[in-house]
Amino acid sequence: MSERKFIVVITQTREEADALNVIFPPVTSDFRISAYHYGYAFCGLNHYGMRPNVLLSFVPLDDNDRWVRECLRPAFRNEVRIGPVEIT
C-alpha cells in the first residue's frame, strides 16, 4: 500500500488558487491536491482524517509571519517543513 498524499498549494491570490483547482486531478482516497490563497483561514483541513503532508508554495513563507504561525502551521502535520526552500 502506498503512502497517502494530501498536497496543499499556496498561491498569492484566490483567482490563482481557483484556476489551479480546476486543472488538478480528481480526489481519491489516497490522493488529494488543493490550492488555497495566502491568507486563507484554514479550519479543520483534512482528507479522510489526515492533515496535509506536502506543502508547495508560490508565496515566500516564513515562521515569523503571523498567518503562517497561526493558520498554516496548525493545519499541517508536524513533519511538514514550512519556510524558505532553495531548489537547485
C-alpha atoms as a PDB file:
ATOM      1  CA  MET A   1       0.000   0.000   0.000  1.00  0.00           C
ATOM      2  CA  SER A   2       1.426   3.373  -0.958  1.00  0.00           C
ATOM      3  CA  GLU A   3       1.516   6.351   1.371  1.00  0.00           C
ATOM      4  CA  ARG A   4      -1.486   8.637   1.079  1.00  0.00           C
ATOM      5  CA  LYS A   5      -0.703  12.151  -0.128  1.00  0.00           C
ATOM      6  CA  PHE A   6      -2.563  15.328   0.741  1.00  0.00           C
ATOM      7  CA  ILE A   7      -0.865  18.192  -1.075  1.00  0.00           C
ATOM      8  CA  VAL A   8      -1.665  21.835  -0.411  1.00  0.00           C
ATOM      9  CA  VAL A   9      -0.528  24.540  -2.829  1.00  0.00           C
ATOM     10  CA  ILE A  10      -0.393  28.162  -1.615  1.00  0.00           C
ATOM     11  CA  THR A  11      -0.896  30.914  -4.189  1.00  0.00           C
ATOM     12  CA  GLN A  12      -0.831  34.689  -3.983  1.00  0.00           C
ATOM     13  CA  THR A  13      -4.479  35.228  -4.925  1.00  0.00           C
ATOM     14  CA  ARG A  14      -7.807  33.415  -4.713  1.00  0.00           C
ATOM     15  CA  GLU A  15      -8.102  33.583  -8.510  1.00  0.00           C
ATOM     16  CA  GLU A  16      -4.802  31.720  -8.937  1.00  0.00           C
ATOM     17  CA  ALA A  17      -5.938  29.045  -6.467  1.00  0.00           C
ATOM     18  CA  ASP A  18      -9.288  28.668  -8.241  1.00  0.00           C
ATOM     19  CA  ALA A  19      -7.555  28.288 -11.626  1.00  0.00           C
ATOM     20  CA  LEU A  20      -5.258  25.558 -10.280  1.00  0.00           C
ATOM     21  CA  ASN A  21      -8.100  23.675  -8.596  1.00  0.00           C
ATOM     22  CA  VAL A  22      -9.890  23.403 -11.962  1.00  0.00           C
ATOM     23  CA  ILE A  23      -6.955  21.549 -13.551  1.00  0.00           C
ATOM     24  CA  PHE A  24      -5.900  19.360 -10.598  1.00  0.00           C
ATOM     25  CA  PRO A  25      -6.735  15.644 -10.845  1.00  0.00           C
ATOM     26  CA  PRO A  26      -9.831  14.254  -9.115  1.00  0.00           C
ATOM     27  CA  VAL A  27      -9.645  13.418  -5.425  1.00  0.00           C
ATOM     28  CA  THR A  28      -9.231   9.755  -4.484  1.00  0.00           C
ATOM     29  CA  SER A  29      -8.986   8.076  -1.101  1.00  0.00           C
ATOM     30  CA  ASP A  30      -5.157   8.035  -1.464  1.00  0.00           C
ATOM     31  CA  PHE A  31      -4.501  11.384  -3.155  1.00  0.00           C
ATOM     32  CA  ARG A  32      -5.716  14.958  -2.934  1.00  0.00           C
ATOM     33  CA  ILE A  33      -4.170  18.181  -4.184  1.00  0.00           C
ATOM     34  CA  SER A  34      -5.846  21.513  -3.463  1.00  0.00           C
ATOM     35  CA  ALA A  35      -4.808  25.127  -3.883  1.00  0.00           C
ATOM     36  CA  TYR A  36      -5.542  27.879  -1.363  1.00  0.00           C
ATOM     37  CA  HIS A  37      -4.623  31.552  -1.427  1.00  0.00           C
ATOM     38  CA  TYR A  38      -2.283  33.260   1.029  1.00  0.00           C
ATOM     39  CA  GLY A  39      -4.376  34.406   3.965  1.00  0.00           C
ATOM     40  CA  TYR A  40      -6.951  31.611   3.703  1.00  0.00           C
ATOM     41  CA  ALA A  41      -8.482  30.791   7.106  1.00  0.00           C
ATOM     42  CA  PHE A  42      -7.856  27.058   7.442  1.00  0.00           C
ATOM     43  CA  CYS A  43     -10.288  25.281   9.729  1.00  0.00           C
ATOM     44  CA  GLY A  44     -10.443  21.508  10.042  1.00  0.00           C
ATOM     45  CA  LEU A  45      -8.452  20.862   6.870  1.00  0.00           C
ATOM     46  CA  ASN A  46      -8.222  17.097   6.365  1.00  0.00           C
ATOM     47  CA  HIS A  47      -8.591  14.336   3.815  1.00  0.00           C
ATOM     48  CA  TYR A  48     -10.049  11.103   5.206  1.00  0.00           C
ATOM     49  CA  GLY A  49      -8.897  12.201   8.661  1.00  0.00           C
ATOM     50  CA  MET A  50      -5.338  13.045   7.567  1.00  0.00           C
ATOM     51  CA  ARG A  51      -3.883  16.529   7.732  1.00  0.00           C
ATOM     52  CA  PRO A  52      -1.841  17.743   4.722  1.00  0.00           C
ATOM     53  CA  ASN A  53       1.582  16.141   4.433  1.00  0.00           C
ATOM     54  CA  VAL A  54       3.029  18.051   1.455  1.00  0.00           C
ATOM     55  CA  LEU A  55       3.210  21.831   1.003  1.00  0.00           C
ATOM     56  CA  LEU A  56       4.024  23.653  -2.234  1.00  0.00           C
ATOM     57  CA  SER A  57       4.007  27.431  -2.200  1.00  0.00           C
ATOM     58  CA  PHE A  58       4.272  30.113  -4.845  1.00  0.00           C
ATOM     59  CA  VAL A  59       4.498  32.627  -1.988  1.00  0.00           C
ATOM     60  CA  PRO A  60       7.554  33.002   0.263  1.00  0.00           C
ATOM     61  CA  LEU A  61       6.628  31.599   3.682  1.00  0.00           C
ATOM     62  CA  ASP A  62       8.349  32.354   6.972  1.00  0.00           C
ATOM     63  CA  ASP A  63       7.599  31.237  10.537  1.00  0.00           C
ATOM     64  CA  ASN A  64       7.870  34.890  11.605  1.00  0.00           C
ATOM     65  CA  ASP A  65       4.718  35.583   9.571  1.00  0.00           C
ATOM     66  CA  ARG A  66       1.599  35.658  11.761  1.00  0.00           C
ATOM     67  CA  TRP A  67      -0.579  33.849   9.188  1.00  0.00           C
ATOM     68  CA  VAL A  68       1.998  31.055   8.847  1.00  0.00           C
ATOM     69  CA  ARG A  69       2.239  30.617  12.638  1.00  0.00           C
ATOM     70  CA  GLU A  70      -1.450  30.885  13.489  1.00  0.00           C
ATOM     71  CA  CYS A  71      -3.249  29.449  10.437  1.00  0.00           C
ATOM     72  CA  LEU A  72      -0.986  27.476   8.131  1.00  0.00           C
ATOM     73  CA  ARG A  73       1.271  25.577  10.552  1.00  0.00           C
ATOM     74  CA  PRO A  74      -1.553  24.244  12.790  1.00  0.00           C
ATOM     75  CA  ALA A  75      -3.345  22.870   9.700  1.00  0.00           C
ATOM     76  CA  PHE A  76      -0.401  20.635   8.720  1.00  0.00           C
ATOM     77  CA  ARG A  77       1.188  17.508  10.089  1.00  0.00           C
ATOM     78  CA  ASN A  78       4.151  18.230  12.339  1.00  0.00           C
ATOM     79  CA  GLU A  79       6.823  16.916   9.969  1.00  0.00           C
ATOM     80  CA  VAL A  80       5.942  19.347   7.166  1.00  0.00           C
ATOM     81  CA  ARG A  81       8.701  21.932   6.732  1.00  0.00           C
ATOM     82  CA  ILE A  82       7.477  25.476   6.272  1.00  0.00           C
ATOM     83  CA  GLY A  83       9.991  28.091   5.296  1.00  0.00           C
ATOM     84  CA  PRO A  84      12.293  29.139   2.506  1.00  0.00           C
ATOM     85  CA  VAL A  85      13.464  26.283   0.317  1.00  0.00           C
ATOM     86  CA  GLU A  86      16.122  26.526  -2.373  1.00  0.00           C
ATOM     87  CA  ILE A  87      15.620  24.429  -5.449  1.00  0.00           C
ATOM     88  CA  THR A  88      18.847  23.572  -7.220  1.00  0.00           C
END
